[in-house]
């Protein structure tokens, strides 16, 4: 990649590096259509590779892996998993490679805006039409891999894997690939450019390298290659000498003591499937997981009342690995029952908890709160209103999300849902309990019904008839989304509705721009309605929402209000 993305790229030196790699016995060359310095240089790396292989006479023995489904607008890396994008990228790659065949074609990364199944089916089409020899995936988790295996003949998976990054191990990707005979292509096997530069300064690695008379980078590559026979490493050499060094690493054998030293320092290990330990008494580590706003704190509080110690990142700070260290310390001190309520969306993140508990012969049980996104959104908005009394603006929300615990933007919460890997017993859990969502309504004696009216509904001929479904004496809210709009734009609607009901009428407007939501007030997000309900102490389950489209129906379902079509 960096032969084409570095600003100081030297095409002559790049050609010499590729030739040196081929002459040293390297046969797999990983490239991508997106490897270039922006949109104008799409295909640069593929053209460079094809020319270099032909020049050194290795075009017949080279196996080319390339990728599609990634755009470079304004220099950014933006996945595009649409079927037509993947198919057109593959055609463009074949042109750039100038007749050299594609041995394996990969989806560059999952696109959160495109259904994963759509992207994978495009890969399957490339195989069925004979466009490429094999297909695979890049930058996926185990759940995405398992889903793809049902749709396409995946033969390779490219993921980050190094001494400093063992998520593919902990997340079960390497294990699944080994089971299915799928090649694991380890990108960034030296940890990426910054970490690679610092490898020689890391004492344990340098000591092992010195004992073998090799460069520390060769030891790091040998460690990756020995993780599994399925693993292929693709170091990003930019000079002939580093290409030759990388090839030499394949001949280096590390002893058990070498691996033990590196494992203790870097934390990487071959995670074997674990059987849950037998509990010594009533000891248990309970992992409560779910997307932000799922209701984890409430469940954790119930267990704290039963004598469990709670470990929560929002309270302690730090990351999930640090929380696993804290768990280790508590178990070592004699604590027998612990509850951890964090997102734990990925298998890799959960593995630290399971391993720490297993070292103390204590089983880990998982409670997964399968709260729907819409209900988790309600919970997050209610927290904001409880905490700040009003809905933050997009700028305020971004600032709060950087520092205030439990405050998220809508896109952050949606991203968490996309990243969720459902838990399973084969991770080492003693049990996995799926807990369906149940909203607890806390009615007060003063709680009353309300009526929510979409401004668009007042333009429908039957709007007055729809009002008969509600309580004319109840508080009424007119709401709308008008980008860059002002609240007084709803004044005519207020006048019209005021003439038809006897209860108070208010208006609320989301004026924020289109695109991914940056606020909690754009319908069908529930911010405007929840703020009104809180101010008037409304019981949402007894209220109605009068609307004129699918978004309004969705909002009514989110609130638990009855929907009435105008």
Protein backbone atom coordinates (compact mmCIF):
# COMPACT_ATOMS: atom_id res chain seq x y z
CA UNK A 1 0.00 0.00 0.00
CA UNK A 2 2.59 2.53 1.06
CA UNK A 3 4.47 2.15 -2.23
CA UNK A 4 1.57 4.19 -3.62
CA UNK A 5 0.20 6.17 -0.67
CA UNK A 6 3.43 7.73 0.67
CA UNK A 7 3.89 11.30 -0.51
CA UNK A 8 7.58 10.59 -1.11
CA UNK A 9 6.86 7.53 -3.26
CA UNK A 10 9.64 6.45 -5.63
CA UNK A 11 8.32 4.21 -8.42
CA UNK A 12 11.78 2.97 -9.39
CA UNK A 13 12.52 1.94 -5.81
CA UNK A 14 9.06 0.38 -5.58
CA UNK A 15 9.78 -1.76 -8.62
CA UNK A 16 13.09 -2.88 -7.13
CA UNK A 17 11.35 -3.80 -3.86
CA UNK A 18 8.74 -5.94 -5.63
CA UNK A 19 11.46 -7.63 -7.68
CA UNK A 20 13.54 -8.33 -4.57
CA UNK A 21 10.52 -9.89 -2.85
CA UNK A 22 9.79 -12.13 -5.85
CA UNK A 23 13.44 -13.19 -6.15
CA UNK A 24 13.48 -14.07 -2.42
CA UNK A 25 10.61 -16.51 -2.95
CA UNK A 26 7.59 -14.42 -2.05
CA UNK A 27 4.65 -15.31 -4.30
CA UNK A 28 1.64 -13.53 -2.74
CA UNK A 29 1.31 -9.80 -3.48
CA UNK A 30 -1.51 -7.88 -1.81
CA UNK A 31 -2.79 -4.71 -3.45
CA UNK A 32 -6.06 -2.79 -3.87
CA UNK A 33 -7.72 -0.42 -6.28
CA UNK A 34 -7.93 2.17 -3.50
CA UNK A 35 -4.16 2.21 -2.85
CA UNK A 36 -3.19 5.66 -4.05
CA UNK A 37 -3.13 9.24 -2.86
CA UNK A 38 -6.80 9.91 -3.44
CA UNK A 39 -9.54 9.51 -6.02
CA UNK A 40 -7.34 10.56 -8.93
CA UNK A 41 -4.88 7.72 -8.28
CA UNK A 42 -7.27 4.76 -8.04
CA UNK A 43 -5.55 1.69 -9.46
CA UNK A 44 -2.04 3.15 -9.14
CA UNK A 45 -0.80 0.33 -6.91
CA UNK A 46 -2.21 -2.35 -9.19
CA UNK A 47 -0.57 -0.80 -12.25
CA UNK A 48 2.70 -0.47 -10.36
CA UNK A 49 2.63 -4.11 -9.25
CA UNK A 50 1.77 -5.47 -12.70
CA UNK A 51 4.57 -3.50 -14.36
CA UNK A 52 7.13 -4.57 -11.73
CA UNK A 53 6.21 -8.26 -11.95
CA UNK A 54 6.50 -8.22 -15.73
CA UNK A 55 9.80 -6.39 -15.60
CA UNK A 56 11.35 -9.01 -13.29
CA UNK A 57 9.73 -11.89 -15.17
CA UNK A 58 7.62 -13.17 -12.23
CA UNK A 59 4.16 -12.47 -13.62
CA UNK A 60 3.39 -16.16 -14.13
CA UNK A 61 4.23 -17.30 -10.59
CA UNK A 62 2.82 -14.33 -8.67
CA UNK A 63 -0.53 -14.72 -6.93
CA UNK A 64 -2.29 -11.37 -6.81
CA UNK A 65 -4.73 -10.48 -4.05
CA UNK A 66 -6.63 -7.25 -4.62
CA UNK A 67 -9.63 -5.53 -3.07
CA UNK A 68 -12.61 -3.41 -4.02
CA UNK A 69 -15.50 -1.60 -2.40
CA UNK A 70 -13.54 1.39 -1.08
CA UNK A 71 -13.68 5.02 -2.24
CA UNK A 72 -11.05 7.73 -1.68
CA UNK A 73 -13.11 10.90 -1.82
CA UNK A 74 -10.98 13.82 -0.55
CA UNK A 75 -8.30 11.31 0.46
CA UNK A 76 -10.52 9.62 3.06
CA UNK A 77 -11.14 5.86 3.18
CA UNK A 78 -14.90 5.30 2.81
CA UNK A 79 -16.30 1.78 2.28
CA UNK A 80 -18.75 1.36 -0.58
CA UNK A 81 -20.30 -2.09 -0.38
CA UNK A 82 -22.98 -1.66 -3.04
CA UNK A 83 -23.03 -4.54 -5.49
CA UNK A 84 -22.50 -2.26 -8.49
CA UNK A 85 -19.49 -0.64 -6.79
CA UNK A 86 -17.83 -3.99 -6.06
CA UNK A 87 -18.45 -5.29 -9.58
CA UNK A 88 -17.20 -2.11 -11.27
CA UNK A 89 -14.15 -1.95 -9.00
CA UNK A 90 -13.27 -5.52 -9.97
CA UNK A 91 -13.53 -4.69 -13.67
CA UNK A 92 -11.31 -1.64 -13.14
CA UNK A 93 -8.77 -3.75 -11.25
CA UNK A 94 -8.55 -6.24 -14.13
CA UNK A 95 -7.83 -3.33 -16.49
CA UNK A 96 -5.19 -1.89 -14.15
CA UNK A 97 -3.47 -5.28 -13.81
CA UNK A 98 -3.20 -5.34 -17.62
CA UNK A 99 -3.96 -8.99 -18.19
CA UNK A 100 -2.57 -10.46 -14.98
CA UNK A 101 -5.25 -12.61 -13.33
CA UNK A 102 -6.71 -11.89 -9.91
CA UNK A 103 -6.09 -14.92 -7.70
CA UNK A 104 -8.23 -13.68 -4.78
CA UNK A 105 -10.61 -10.72 -4.82
CA UNK A 106 -11.61 -9.26 -1.43
CA UNK A 107 -14.24 -6.86 -0.15
CA UNK A 108 -12.04 -4.13 1.32
CA UNK A 109 -14.21 -3.57 4.41
CA UNK A 110 -17.88 -3.90 5.41
CA UNK A 111 -19.94 -0.86 4.47
CA UNK A 112 -22.29 0.14 7.33
CA UNK A 113 -24.66 1.76 4.81
CA UNK A 114 -25.09 -1.40 2.72
CA UNK A 115 -26.52 -4.73 3.91
CA UNK A 116 -23.63 -7.14 4.35
CA UNK A 117 -25.45 -9.85 2.45
CA UNK A 118 -25.71 -7.56 -0.58
CA UNK A 119 -21.95 -7.04 -0.66
CA UNK A 120 -21.15 -10.74 -0.23
CA UNK A 121 -23.61 -11.77 -2.94
CA UNK A 122 -21.69 -9.49 -5.31
CA UNK A 123 -18.57 -11.55 -4.53
CA UNK A 124 -20.43 -14.76 -5.25
CA UNK A 125 -21.47 -13.32 -8.61
CA UNK A 126 -17.82 -12.68 -9.53
CA UNK A 127 -17.14 -16.38 -8.98
CA UNK A 128 -20.23 -17.63 -10.82
CA UNK A 129 -19.39 -15.45 -13.83
CA UNK A 130 -15.74 -16.59 -13.84
CA UNK A 131 -14.36 -13.07 -13.40
CA UNK A 132 -11.92 -14.06 -10.63
CA UNK A 133 -10.52 -17.34 -9.32
CA UNK A 134 -11.34 -16.94 -5.66
CA UNK A 135 -12.99 -14.45 -3.32
CA UNK A 136 -12.57 -13.40 0.27
CA UNK A 137 -13.13 -10.75 2.92
CA UNK A 138 -11.09 -8.06 4.61
CA UNK A 139 -11.41 -6.39 8.02
CA UNK A 140 -14.32 -8.52 9.26
CA UNK A 141 -15.31 -10.02 12.59
CA UNK A 142 -16.39 -13.61 13.16
CA UNK A 143 -20.11 -12.91 12.89
CA UNK A 144 -19.61 -11.24 9.50
CA UNK A 145 -17.41 -14.13 8.40
CA UNK A 146 -20.01 -16.71 9.43
CA UNK A 147 -22.75 -14.86 7.57
CA UNK A 148 -20.60 -14.57 4.45
CA UNK A 149 -19.82 -18.29 4.49
CA UNK A 150 -23.50 -18.98 3.87
CA UNK A 151 -23.49 -16.87 0.70
CA UNK A 152 -20.11 -17.16 -1.03
CA UNK A 153 -17.15 -19.59 -1.30
CA UNK A 154 -14.80 -17.57 0.90
CA UNK A 155 -11.20 -18.80 0.62
CA UNK A 156 -9.28 -15.98 2.33
CA UNK A 157 -9.82 -13.48 5.13
CA UNK A 158 -7.54 -10.48 5.59
CA UNK A 159 -7.37 -9.02 9.11
CA UNK A 160 -4.92 -7.09 11.27
CA UNK A 161 -2.77 -9.51 13.26
CA UNK A 162 0.47 -8.82 15.10
CA UNK A 163 2.17 -9.03 18.48
CA UNK A 164 0.33 -5.81 19.36
CA UNK A 165 -3.03 -6.70 17.83
CA UNK A 166 -4.48 -10.13 18.57
CA UNK A 167 -8.17 -9.24 18.14
CA UNK A 168 -8.53 -11.70 15.26
CA UNK A 169 -7.30 -14.43 17.61
CA UNK A 170 -9.44 -13.42 20.55
CA UNK A 171 -12.44 -12.77 18.34
CA UNK A 172 -12.35 -16.28 16.89
CA UNK A 173 -11.64 -15.28 13.28
CA UNK A 174 -8.39 -17.27 13.06
CA UNK A 175 -10.02 -20.24 14.77
CA UNK A 176 -12.97 -20.27 12.35
CA UNK A 177 -10.67 -19.95 9.34
CA UNK A 178 -8.53 -22.86 10.54
CA UNK A 179 -11.67 -24.97 10.97
CA UNK A 180 -12.90 -24.16 7.45
CA UNK A 181 -9.57 -24.32 5.62
CA UNK A 182 -9.60 -20.59 4.88
CA UNK A 183 -6.36 -18.65 4.50
CA UNK A 184 -5.80 -15.84 7.02
CA UNK A 185 -3.90 -12.95 5.43
CA UNK A 186 -2.37 -10.99 8.30
CA UNK A 187 -2.06 -7.33 7.36
CA UNK A 188 0.03 -4.95 9.49
CA UNK A 189 1.94 -7.96 10.93
CA UNK A 190 4.50 -5.59 12.43
CA UNK A 191 1.78 -3.48 14.06
CA UNK A 192 1.63 -0.76 11.44
CA UNK A 193 4.27 1.81 10.35
CA UNK A 194 4.67 3.56 13.71
CA UNK A 195 4.97 0.41 15.79
CA UNK A 196 7.26 -1.24 13.22
CA UNK A 197 9.79 1.55 13.61
CA UNK A 198 9.85 1.03 17.39
CA UNK A 199 10.20 -2.77 17.31
CA UNK A 200 13.98 -2.76 17.72
CA UNK A 201 13.65 -0.74 20.96
CA UNK A 202 11.42 -3.30 22.66
CA UNK A 203 13.76 -5.26 24.89
CA UNK A 204 12.15 -8.76 25.02
CA UNK A 205 11.75 -8.80 21.24
CA UNK A 206 15.28 -7.49 20.73
CA UNK A 207 16.66 -10.14 23.09
CA UNK A 208 14.96 -12.99 21.21
CA UNK A 209 16.15 -11.52 17.91
CA UNK A 210 19.73 -11.24 19.22
CA UNK A 211 19.69 -14.87 20.34
CA UNK A 212 18.74 -15.94 16.80
CA UNK A 213 21.01 -13.44 15.09
CA UNK A 214 18.18 -11.81 13.17
CA UNK A 215 16.31 -8.52 12.99
CA UNK A 216 13.49 -7.97 15.57
CA UNK A 217 11.01 -7.54 12.71
CA UNK A 218 11.80 -11.08 11.55
CA UNK A 219 10.97 -12.44 15.01
CA UNK A 220 7.67 -10.52 15.02
CA UNK A 221 6.79 -11.96 11.59
CA UNK A 222 7.80 -15.48 12.64
CA UNK A 223 5.50 -15.19 15.68
CA UNK A 224 2.56 -14.31 13.40
CA UNK A 225 3.31 -17.14 10.97
CA UNK A 226 3.48 -19.71 13.78
CA UNK A 227 0.04 -18.83 15.13
CA UNK A 228 -1.62 -21.20 12.66
CA UNK A 229 -0.78 -23.02 9.43
CA UNK A 230 -3.60 -20.97 7.91
CA UNK A 231 -1.79 -17.63 8.45
CA UNK A 232 0.00 -15.73 5.68
CA UNK A 233 1.73 -12.48 6.64
CA UNK A 234 1.93 -9.49 4.27
CA UNK A 235 4.47 -6.98 5.63
CA UNK A 236 4.49 -3.65 3.81
CA UNK A 237 8.10 -3.54 2.65
CA UNK A 238 9.18 -0.33 0.94
CA UNK A 239 12.84 -1.20 0.30
CA UNK A 240 14.50 -4.27 -1.25
CA UNK A 241 16.38 -5.14 1.93
CA UNK A 242 13.20 -5.20 4.04
CA UNK A 243 11.50 -7.40 1.44
CA UNK A 244 14.38 -9.89 1.66
CA UNK A 245 14.26 -9.74 5.47
CA UNK A 246 10.54 -10.51 5.43
CA UNK A 247 11.11 -13.55 3.24
CA UNK A 248 13.81 -14.76 5.63
CA UNK A 249 11.35 -14.65 8.53
CA UNK A 250 9.45 -17.57 7.01
CA UNK A 251 12.50 -19.79 7.65
CA UNK A 252 12.89 -18.74 11.29
CA UNK A 253 11.64 -21.17 13.91
CA UNK A 254 10.81 -19.88 17.39
CA UNK A 255 11.17 -22.14 20.39
CA UNK A 256 8.61 -22.60 23.15
CA UNK A 257 10.65 -20.36 25.46
CA UNK A 258 10.77 -17.60 22.81
CA UNK A 259 7.00 -17.72 22.40
CA UNK A 260 6.47 -17.72 26.16
CA UNK A 261 8.63 -14.60 26.56
CA UNK A 262 6.82 -12.77 23.78
CA UNK A 263 3.42 -13.92 25.02
CA UNK A 264 4.07 -12.60 28.55
CA UNK A 265 5.12 -9.19 27.29
CA UNK A 266 2.76 -8.63 24.38
CA UNK A 267 -0.22 -10.63 25.63
CA UNK A 268 -0.71 -12.54 22.40
CA UNK A 269 -1.55 -16.21 22.67
CA UNK A 270 -3.14 -19.07 20.82
CA UNK A 271 -6.61 -19.06 22.30
CA UNK A 272 -7.82 -22.61 22.50
CA UNK A 273 -11.52 -23.21 22.99
CA UNK A 274 -12.09 -23.35 26.72
CA UNK A 275 -14.49 -25.44 28.73
CA UNK A 276 -16.05 -23.31 31.48
CA UNK A 277 -14.43 -24.13 34.86
CA UNK A 278 -16.47 -25.75 37.58
CA UNK A 279 -17.39 -23.21 40.24
CA UNK A 280 -15.84 -23.71 43.69
CA UNK A 281 -19.09 -22.65 45.41
CA UNK A 282 -21.41 -19.84 44.35
CA UNK A 283 -18.55 -17.96 42.67
CA UNK A 284 -19.43 -16.33 39.37
CA UNK A 285 -18.36 -13.57 37.04
CA UNK A 286 -21.42 -12.13 35.32
CA UNK A 287 -20.89 -10.22 32.10
CA UNK A 288 -23.87 -8.02 31.21
CA UNK A 289 -23.63 -6.81 27.61
CA UNK A 290 -25.70 -4.84 25.15
CA UNK A 291 -25.64 -1.72 23.02
CA UNK A 292 -25.49 1.70 24.74
CA UNK A 293 -28.86 2.41 26.33
CA UNK A 294 -29.85 -1.25 26.56
CA UNK A 295 -30.46 -1.06 30.31
CA UNK A 296 -27.31 -2.74 31.61
CA UNK A 297 -27.02 -0.52 34.67
CA UNK A 298 -30.43 -1.58 35.93
CA UNK A 299 -29.54 -5.28 35.66
CA UNK A 300 -26.17 -4.71 37.33
CA UNK A 301 -27.85 -2.90 40.22
CA UNK A 302 -30.04 -5.96 40.84
CA UNK A 303 -26.94 -8.14 41.17
CA UNK A 304 -25.14 -5.61 43.36
CA UNK A 305 -28.12 -5.84 45.73
CA UNK A 306 -27.47 -9.60 45.85
CA UNK A 307 -23.86 -9.11 46.93
CA UNK A 308 -21.98 -8.87 43.63
CA UNK A 309 -19.11 -6.41 43.18
CA UNK A 310 -19.70 -4.14 40.19
CA UNK A 311 -16.92 -3.23 37.74
CA UNK A 312 -17.93 -0.58 35.23
CA UNK A 313 -15.74 1.39 32.85
CA UNK A 314 -17.87 4.54 33.12
CA UNK A 315 -17.10 4.69 36.84
CA UNK A 316 -13.46 3.54 36.77
CA UNK A 317 -12.30 4.98 33.44
CA UNK A 318 -9.81 3.28 31.16
CA UNK A 319 -10.49 0.60 28.59
CA UNK A 320 -11.94 -2.89 28.72
CA UNK A 321 -8.49 -4.49 29.04
CA UNK A 322 -7.79 -2.36 32.12
CA UNK A 323 -11.14 -3.47 33.52
CA UNK A 324 -10.08 -7.09 33.02
CA UNK A 325 -6.93 -6.34 35.04
CA UNK A 326 -9.12 -4.88 37.77
CA UNK A 327 -11.20 -8.06 37.70
CA UNK A 328 -8.01 -10.11 38.08
CA UNK A 329 -7.00 -8.07 41.13
CA UNK A 330 -10.42 -8.41 42.77
CA UNK A 331 -10.52 -12.18 42.24
CA UNK A 332 -6.97 -12.49 43.57
CA UNK A 333 -8.03 -10.63 46.71
CA UNK A 334 -10.78 -13.16 47.40
CA UNK A 335 -13.85 -11.59 45.78
CA UNK A 336 -16.04 -14.44 44.47
CA UNK A 337 -18.94 -12.75 42.68
CA UNK A 338 -18.49 -9.89 40.22
CA UNK A 339 -20.79 -8.23 37.70
CA UNK A 340 -19.40 -6.26 34.75
CA UNK A 341 -21.90 -4.15 32.79
CA UNK A 342 -20.25 -2.70 29.71
CA UNK A 343 -21.00 -2.88 26.00
CA UNK A 344 -18.70 -5.87 25.29
CA UNK A 345 -19.84 -5.86 21.67
CA UNK A 346 -16.94 -7.94 20.34
CA UNK A 347 -15.79 -11.47 21.14
CA UNK A 348 -12.26 -10.14 21.49
CA UNK A 349 -13.30 -7.71 24.23
CA UNK A 350 -15.19 -10.41 26.12
CA UNK A 351 -12.25 -12.82 25.96
CA UNK A 352 -10.24 -10.84 28.52
CA UNK A 353 -12.97 -11.29 31.12
CA UNK A 354 -13.37 -15.01 30.41
CA UNK A 355 -9.62 -15.62 30.62
CA UNK A 356 -9.22 -13.67 33.87
CA UNK A 357 -12.06 -15.61 35.52
CA UNK A 358 -10.78 -18.95 34.19
CA UNK A 359 -7.38 -18.40 35.79
CA UNK A 360 -9.20 -18.41 39.13
CA UNK A 361 -11.40 -21.40 38.23
CA UNK A 362 -14.49 -19.19 38.26
CA UNK A 363 -17.11 -19.51 35.51
CA UNK A 364 -18.26 -16.55 33.46
CA UNK A 365 -21.93 -16.24 32.60
CA UNK A 366 -23.28 -13.80 30.02
CA UNK A 367 -26.54 -11.86 30.12
CA UNK A 368 -27.22 -10.28 26.73
CA UNK A 369 -29.78 -7.48 26.73
CA UNK A 370 -31.30 -7.73 23.25
CA UNK A 371 -32.86 -4.28 23.51
CA UNK A 372 -34.09 -2.96 20.13
CA UNK A 373 -32.27 0.12 18.86
CA UNK A 374 -35.36 2.34 19.13
CA UNK A 375 -35.89 1.51 22.81
CA UNK A 376 -32.20 2.05 23.57
CA UNK A 377 -32.56 5.45 21.91
CA UNK A 378 -35.43 6.28 24.27
CA UNK A 379 -33.23 5.33 27.24
CA UNK A 380 -30.35 7.53 26.07
CA UNK A 381 -32.63 10.54 25.47
CA UNK A 382 -34.28 10.14 28.87
CA UNK A 383 -30.81 10.12 30.46
CA UNK A 384 -29.96 13.37 28.69
CA UNK A 385 -33.19 15.00 29.85
CA UNK A 386 -32.68 13.76 33.41
CA UNK A 387 -29.13 15.01 33.47
CA UNK A 388 -29.32 18.31 31.57
CA UNK A 389 -33.02 19.17 31.57
CA UNK A 390 -33.05 19.76 27.82
CA UNK A 391 -31.82 18.28 24.55
CA UNK A 392 -28.26 19.33 23.67
CA UNK A 393 -27.62 20.90 20.27
CA UNK A 394 -25.39 18.93 17.86
CA UNK A 395 -22.31 20.97 18.88
CA UNK A 396 -23.11 20.53 22.57
CA UNK A 397 -23.75 16.83 22.07
CA UNK A 398 -20.40 16.28 20.34
CA UNK A 399 -18.56 18.05 23.15
CA UNK A 400 -20.44 16.15 25.85
CA UNK A 401 -19.84 12.82 24.08
CA UNK A 402 -16.08 13.40 24.30
CA UNK A 403 -16.07 13.81 28.06
CA UNK A 404 -19.36 12.97 29.77
CA UNK A 405 -19.89 9.29 30.54
CA UNK A 406 -22.98 7.74 29.02
CA UNK A 407 -23.56 10.53 26.47
CA UNK A 408 -23.58 9.41 22.84
CA UNK A 409 -24.53 10.76 19.45
CA UNK A 410 -27.13 8.79 17.46
CA UNK A 411 -24.49 7.68 14.95
CA UNK A 412 -22.25 6.34 17.73
CA UNK A 413 -25.07 4.23 19.07
CA UNK A 414 -25.95 2.95 15.59
CA UNK A 415 -22.29 2.10 15.00
CA UNK A 416 -22.28 0.05 18.20
CA UNK A 417 -25.25 -1.96 16.91
CA UNK A 418 -23.42 -2.66 13.64
CA UNK A 419 -20.34 -3.85 15.53
CA UNK A 420 -22.27 -6.20 17.81
CA UNK A 421 -21.16 -9.84 17.74
CA UNK A 422 -23.80 -11.96 19.50
CA UNK A 423 -22.32 -14.00 22.37
CA UNK A 424 -22.14 -17.79 22.20
CA UNK A 425 -21.17 -20.60 24.53
CA UNK A 426 -18.13 -21.53 22.43
CA UNK A 427 -16.41 -18.38 23.69
CA UNK A 428 -16.05 -20.12 27.06
CA UNK A 429 -19.20 -18.93 28.80
CA UNK A 430 -20.83 -21.20 31.34
CA UNK A 431 -24.13 -19.96 29.97
CA UNK A 432 -25.62 -17.25 27.76
CA UNK A 433 -28.97 -15.76 28.76
CA UNK A 434 -30.74 -13.60 26.20
CA UNK A 435 -32.91 -11.08 28.02
CA UNK A 436 -35.68 -9.53 25.88
CA UNK A 437 -36.50 -5.87 26.36
CA UNK A 438 -39.33 -4.89 28.66
CA UNK A 439 -40.21 -1.24 29.26
CA UNK A 440 -41.15 -0.49 32.86
CA UNK A 441 -43.70 2.32 32.91
CA UNK A 442 -43.49 4.46 36.01
CA UNK A 443 -46.85 6.18 36.13
CA UNK A 444 -47.42 8.88 38.69
CA UNK A 445 -50.75 10.06 40.01
CA UNK A 446 -50.35 13.21 37.92
CA UNK A 447 -49.48 11.36 34.69
CA UNK A 448 -51.93 12.08 31.88
CA UNK A 449 -52.49 11.45 28.22
CA UNK A 450 -50.95 13.54 25.48
CA UNK A 451 -51.39 14.05 21.76
CA UNK A 452 -48.43 14.33 19.37
CA UNK A 453 -49.26 15.78 15.97
CA UNK A 454 -46.85 15.75 13.00
CA UNK A 455 -47.07 19.05 11.14
CA UNK A 456 -47.48 17.12 7.89
CA UNK A 457 -50.64 15.53 9.29
CA UNK A 458 -52.37 18.93 9.42
CA UNK A 459 -52.08 19.12 5.64
CA UNK A 460 -54.18 15.97 5.27
CA UNK A 461 -57.96 16.36 4.76
CA UNK A 462 -58.87 13.98 7.60
CA UNK A 463 -56.74 15.60 10.31
CA UNK A 464 -59.72 16.87 12.32
CA UNK A 465 -61.29 13.44 12.25
CA UNK A 466 -58.02 11.95 13.55
CA UNK A 467 -58.14 14.35 16.50
CA UNK A 468 -61.28 12.62 17.73
CA UNK A 469 -59.13 9.63 18.69
CA UNK A 470 -57.42 11.70 21.37
CA UNK A 471 -58.33 13.83 24.34
CA UNK A 472 -59.12 17.39 23.24
CA UNK A 473 -58.28 18.63 26.76
CA UNK A 474 -54.83 16.97 26.77
CA UNK A 475 -51.55 18.78 25.99
CA UNK A 476 -50.88 18.75 22.23
CA UNK A 477 -47.47 18.93 20.55
CA UNK A 478 -46.96 19.87 16.91
CA UNK A 479 -43.54 18.70 15.72
CA UNK A 480 -41.56 18.79 12.47
CA UNK A 481 -38.08 18.63 10.95
CA UNK A 482 -37.14 21.62 8.75
CA UNK A 483 -33.37 21.93 8.09
CA UNK A 484 -32.25 25.50 8.92
CA UNK A 485 -35.85 26.28 9.84
CA UNK A 486 -37.15 28.49 12.67
CA UNK A 487 -39.75 27.56 15.27
CA UNK A 488 -42.14 30.33 14.18
CA UNK A 489 -42.57 28.47 10.88
CA UNK A 490 -44.94 26.20 12.81
CA UNK A 491 -47.10 29.12 14.06
CA UNK A 492 -49.82 28.59 11.43
CA UNK A 493 -50.08 24.95 12.51
CA UNK A 494 -50.39 26.03 16.13
CA UNK A 495 -53.19 28.44 15.26
CA UNK A 496 -55.04 25.78 13.28
CA UNK A 497 -54.77 23.16 16.01
CA UNK A 498 -55.60 25.60 18.79
CA UNK A 499 -58.92 26.28 17.10
CA UNK A 500 -59.79 22.59 17.15
CA UNK A 501 -58.83 21.54 20.72
CA UNK A 502 -59.23 22.95 24.21
CA UNK A 503 -55.96 21.71 25.70
CA UNK A 504 -52.65 23.59 25.53
CA UNK A 505 -50.82 23.48 22.18
CA UNK A 506 -47.06 23.77 21.80
CA UNK A 507 -44.66 23.34 18.89
CA UNK A 508 -41.19 21.83 18.60
CA UNK A 509 -38.85 21.83 15.63
CA UNK A 510 -35.66 20.08 14.63
CA UNK A 511 -33.72 22.61 12.49
CA UNK A 512 -30.61 20.47 12.00
CA UNK A 513 -29.15 19.48 8.65
CA UNK A 514 -29.71 16.27 6.72
CA UNK A 515 -27.29 13.37 6.45
CA UNK A 516 -26.44 11.10 9.38
CA UNK A 517 -28.33 12.44 12.42
CA UNK A 518 -26.25 14.72 14.65
CA UNK A 519 -29.02 15.34 17.19
CA UNK A 520 -31.66 13.41 19.10
CA UNK A 521 -34.56 15.58 17.95
CA UNK A 522 -34.99 14.65 14.28
CA UNK A 523 -38.06 12.42 13.86
CA UNK A 524 -38.32 9.47 14.06
CA UNK A 525 -35.72 9.91 16.82
CA UNK A 526 -37.73 10.48 19.99
CA UNK A 527 -36.14 13.63 21.46
CA UNK A 528 -38.85 16.20 20.79
CA UNK A 529 -41.66 13.94 21.96
CA UNK A 530 -39.85 12.78 25.10
CA UNK A 531 -38.95 16.34 26.12
CA UNK A 532 -42.61 17.38 25.77
CA UNK A 533 -43.82 14.29 27.66
CA UNK A 534 -41.39 14.98 30.47
CA UNK A 535 -42.43 18.64 30.78
CA UNK A 536 -46.13 17.71 30.95
CA UNK A 537 -45.78 14.42 32.90
CA UNK A 538 -47.45 12.41 30.17
CA UNK A 539 -47.97 8.67 30.17
CA UNK A 540 -46.79 7.68 26.70
CA UNK A 541 -48.62 4.36 26.64
CA UNK A 542 -51.91 6.26 27.04
CA UNK A 543 -51.06 8.89 24.42
CA UNK A 544 -51.63 9.00 20.65
CA UNK A 545 -49.52 10.21 17.73
CA UNK A 546 -51.22 11.58 14.64
CA UNK A 547 -48.99 11.23 11.61
CA UNK A 548 -48.83 11.06 7.84
CA UNK A 549 -46.10 8.62 6.96
CA UNK A 550 -43.81 5.73 7.91
CA UNK A 551 -41.45 7.88 10.01
CA UNK A 552 -44.36 8.99 12.20
CA UNK A 553 -45.58 5.42 12.57
CA UNK A 554 -42.06 4.40 13.62
CA UNK A 555 -41.92 7.20 16.19
CA UNK A 556 -45.26 6.14 17.66
CA UNK A 557 -44.01 2.56 18.04
CA UNK A 558 -40.81 3.81 19.68
CA UNK A 559 -42.78 5.87 22.20
CA UNK A 560 -45.30 3.12 22.85
CA UNK A 561 -48.10 5.51 21.81
CA UNK A 562 -51.05 4.59 19.61
CA UNK A 563 -50.63 5.66 16.00
CA UNK A 564 -53.48 7.40 14.19
CA UNK A 565 -53.18 8.14 10.47
CA UNK A 566 -54.47 11.56 9.39
